[in-house]
Amino acid sequence: MLADFNAAGIASECWVPRPGQILDAGFWARIVEDDSWPALAEVLVAWARAGNLRKVSITQNDNKIINTAGLGAGEVEKLLPAGKNIMAVKDKNQA
């Protein structure tokens, strides 16, 4: 996914969780600029649609979790400003 961010010109910072941290994730990324919402929405939707075992959810500031399955980039873009966390996961068995 970071390669997709870079290709779309989305500035991000990436770090790997430290050993012993309870987290089943390969990495964390922070989006640096909030003016990249349109590009980020496009990347998230395209990434999720690229495999049937991929999922993207956005946790809003009020802690409501929204699954983006079936949403278009325009709809996802509207959710991003009120989001505090984006989770993108894919099945470990998917290449």
C-alpha atoms as a PDB file:
ATOM      1  CA  MET A   1       0.000   0.000   0.000  1.00  0.00           C
ATOM      2  CA  LEU A   2       2.871   2.424   0.664  1.00  0.00           C
ATOM      3  CA  ALA A   3       3.950   2.056  -2.958  1.00  0.00           C
ATOM      4  CA  ASP A   4       0.407   3.085  -3.943  1.00  0.00           C
ATOM      5  CA  PHE A   5       0.643   6.135  -1.659  1.00  0.00           C
ATOM      6  CA  ASN A   6       3.956   7.127  -3.230  1.00  0.00           C
ATOM      7  CA  ALA A   7       2.689   6.613  -6.777  1.00  0.00           C
ATOM      8  CA  ALA A   8      -0.301   8.869  -6.043  1.00  0.00           C
ATOM      9  CA  GLY A   9       1.911  11.571  -4.516  1.00  0.00           C
ATOM     10  CA  ILE A  10       0.534  11.061  -0.989  1.00  0.00           C
ATOM     11  CA  ALA A  11       3.100  12.070   1.622  1.00  0.00           C
ATOM     12  CA  SER A  12       3.269   9.531   4.426  1.00  0.00           C
ATOM     13  CA  GLU A  13       5.513   8.428   7.252  1.00  0.00           C
ATOM     14  CA  CYS A  14       5.906   4.725   7.951  1.00  0.00           C
ATOM     15  CA  TRP A  15       7.123   2.847  10.992  1.00  0.00           C
ATOM     16  CA  VAL A  16       7.219  -0.773  12.094  1.00  0.00           C
ATOM     17  CA  PRO A  17       5.792  -1.717  15.501  1.00  0.00           C
ATOM     18  CA  ARG A  18       8.492  -2.454  18.059  1.00  0.00           C
ATOM     19  CA  PRO A  19       9.009  -6.047  19.235  1.00  0.00           C
ATOM     20  CA  GLY A  20       6.614  -7.057  21.999  1.00  0.00           C
ATOM     21  CA  GLN A  21       3.941  -4.574  20.940  1.00  0.00           C
ATOM     22  CA  ILE A  22       0.552  -6.277  20.711  1.00  0.00           C
ATOM     23  CA  LEU A  23      -0.383  -5.617  17.134  1.00  0.00           C
ATOM     24  CA  ASP A  24      -0.962  -7.858  14.157  1.00  0.00           C
ATOM     25  CA  ALA A  25       0.207  -5.445  11.517  1.00  0.00           C
ATOM     26  CA  GLY A  26       3.212  -5.235   9.263  1.00  0.00           C
ATOM     27  CA  PHE A  27       3.521  -1.464   9.569  1.00  0.00           C
ATOM     28  CA  TRP A  28       1.819   1.776  10.533  1.00  0.00           C
ATOM     29  CA  ALA A  29       1.659   4.811   8.277  1.00  0.00           C
ATOM     30  CA  ARG A  30       0.676   8.395   8.992  1.00  0.00           C
ATOM     31  CA  ILE A  31      -0.640  10.599   6.213  1.00  0.00           C
ATOM     32  CA  VAL A  32       1.324  13.834   6.428  1.00  0.00           C
ATOM     33  CA  GLU A  33      -0.917  16.236   4.498  1.00  0.00           C
ATOM     34  CA  ASP A  34      -4.693  16.408   4.890  1.00  0.00           C
ATOM     35  CA  ASP A  35      -5.040  18.007   1.443  1.00  0.00           C
ATOM     36  CA  SER A  36      -4.422  14.611  -0.141  1.00  0.00           C
ATOM     37  CA  TRP A  37      -7.930  13.292   0.683  1.00  0.00           C
ATOM     38  CA  PRO A  38      -9.030  12.860  -2.958  1.00  0.00           C
ATOM     39  CA  ALA A  39      -5.912  10.877  -3.874  1.00  0.00           C
ATOM     40  CA  LEU A  40      -6.048   8.870  -0.642  1.00  0.00           C
ATOM     41  CA  ALA A  41      -9.682   7.962  -1.243  1.00  0.00           C
ATOM     42  CA  GLU A  42      -8.826   6.762  -4.767  1.00  0.00           C
ATOM     43  CA  VAL A  43      -5.924   4.632  -3.477  1.00  0.00           C
ATOM     44  CA  LEU A  44      -7.970   3.071  -0.652  1.00  0.00           C
ATOM     45  CA  VAL A  45     -10.882   2.165  -2.921  1.00  0.00           C
ATOM     46  CA  ALA A  46      -8.614   0.793  -5.662  1.00  0.00           C
ATOM     47  CA  TRP A  47      -6.570  -1.218  -3.144  1.00  0.00           C
ATOM     48  CA  ALA A  48      -9.669  -2.781  -1.568  1.00  0.00           C
ATOM     49  CA  ARG A  49     -11.157  -3.634  -4.963  1.00  0.00           C
ATOM     50  CA  ALA A  50      -7.914  -5.252  -6.165  1.00  0.00           C
ATOM     51  CA  GLY A  51      -8.540  -8.362  -4.063  1.00  0.00           C
ATOM     52  CA  ASN A  52     -11.702  -9.913  -2.702  1.00  0.00           C
ATOM     53  CA  LEU A  53     -10.053 -10.577   0.666  1.00  0.00           C
ATOM     54  CA  ARG A  54      -9.053  -6.944   1.273  1.00  0.00           C
ATOM     55  CA  LYS A  55     -10.926  -4.654   3.620  1.00  0.00           C
ATOM     56  CA  VAL A  56     -10.626  -0.970   4.507  1.00  0.00           C
ATOM     57  CA  SER A  57     -12.357   0.628   7.473  1.00  0.00           C
ATOM     58  CA  ILE A  58     -12.271   4.170   8.826  1.00  0.00           C
ATOM     59  CA  THR A  59     -12.679   4.934  12.521  1.00  0.00           C
ATOM     60  CA  GLN A  60     -14.336   8.322  12.919  1.00  0.00           C
ATOM     61  CA  ASN A  61     -13.534  10.822  15.673  1.00  0.00           C
ATOM     62  CA  ASP A  62     -16.691   9.640  17.495  1.00  0.00           C
ATOM     63  CA  ASN A  63     -15.281   6.037  17.395  1.00  0.00           C
ATOM     64  CA  LYS A  64     -17.848   4.886  14.825  1.00  0.00           C
ATOM     65  CA  ILE A  65     -16.205   2.365  12.476  1.00  0.00           C
ATOM     66  CA  ILE A  66     -17.217   2.517   8.827  1.00  0.00           C
ATOM     67  CA  ASN A  67     -16.437  -0.331   6.448  1.00  0.00           C
ATOM     68  CA  THR A  68     -15.759   1.160   3.025  1.00  0.00           C
ATOM     69  CA  ALA A  69     -16.861  -1.936   1.058  1.00  0.00           C
ATOM     70  CA  GLY A  70     -19.088  -0.853  -1.795  1.00  0.00           C
ATOM     71  CA  LEU A  71     -18.325   2.863  -1.411  1.00  0.00           C
ATOM     72  CA  GLY A  72     -16.901   4.934  -4.223  1.00  0.00           C
ATOM     73  CA  ALA A  73     -13.914   7.242  -3.934  1.00  0.00           C
ATOM     74  CA  GLY A  74     -16.160  10.318  -3.571  1.00  0.00           C
ATOM     75  CA  GLU A  75     -17.977   8.774  -0.629  1.00  0.00           C
ATOM     76  CA  VAL A  76     -14.731   7.702   1.040  1.00  0.00           C
ATOM     77  CA  GLU A  77     -13.250  11.170   0.506  1.00  0.00           C
ATOM     78  CA  LYS A  78     -16.148  12.687   2.493  1.00  0.00           C
ATOM     79  CA  LEU A  79     -15.397  10.332   5.419  1.00  0.00           C
ATOM     80  CA  LEU A  80     -11.672  11.037   5.641  1.00  0.00           C
ATOM     81  CA  PRO A  81     -11.656  14.499   7.303  1.00  0.00           C
ATOM     82  CA  ALA A  82     -13.604  13.131  10.302  1.00  0.00           C
ATOM     83  CA  GLY A  83     -11.462  10.004  10.481  1.00  0.00           C
ATOM     84  CA  LYS A  84      -8.865   9.361  13.118  1.00  0.00           C
ATOM     85  CA  ASN A  85      -7.716   5.928  11.967  1.00  0.00           C
ATOM     86  CA  ILE A  86      -7.760   3.937   8.748  1.00  0.00           C
ATOM     87  CA  MET A  87      -7.269   0.189   8.825  1.00  0.00           C
ATOM     88  CA  ALA A  88      -6.452  -1.726   5.654  1.00  0.00           C
ATOM     89  CA  VAL A  89      -6.138  -5.501   5.942  1.00  0.00           C
ATOM     90  CA  LYS A  90      -5.869  -8.416   3.594  1.00  0.00           C
ATOM     91  CA  ASP A  91      -6.014 -12.130   4.176  1.00  0.00           C
ATOM     92  CA  LYS A  92      -2.542 -13.451   4.998  1.00  0.00           C
ATOM     93  CA  ASN A  93      -2.937 -16.178   2.384  1.00  0.00           C
ATOM     94  CA  GLN A  94      -3.565 -13.696  -0.432  1.00  0.00           C
ATOM     95  CA  ALA A  95      -0.484 -12.871  -2.496  1.00  0.00           C
END
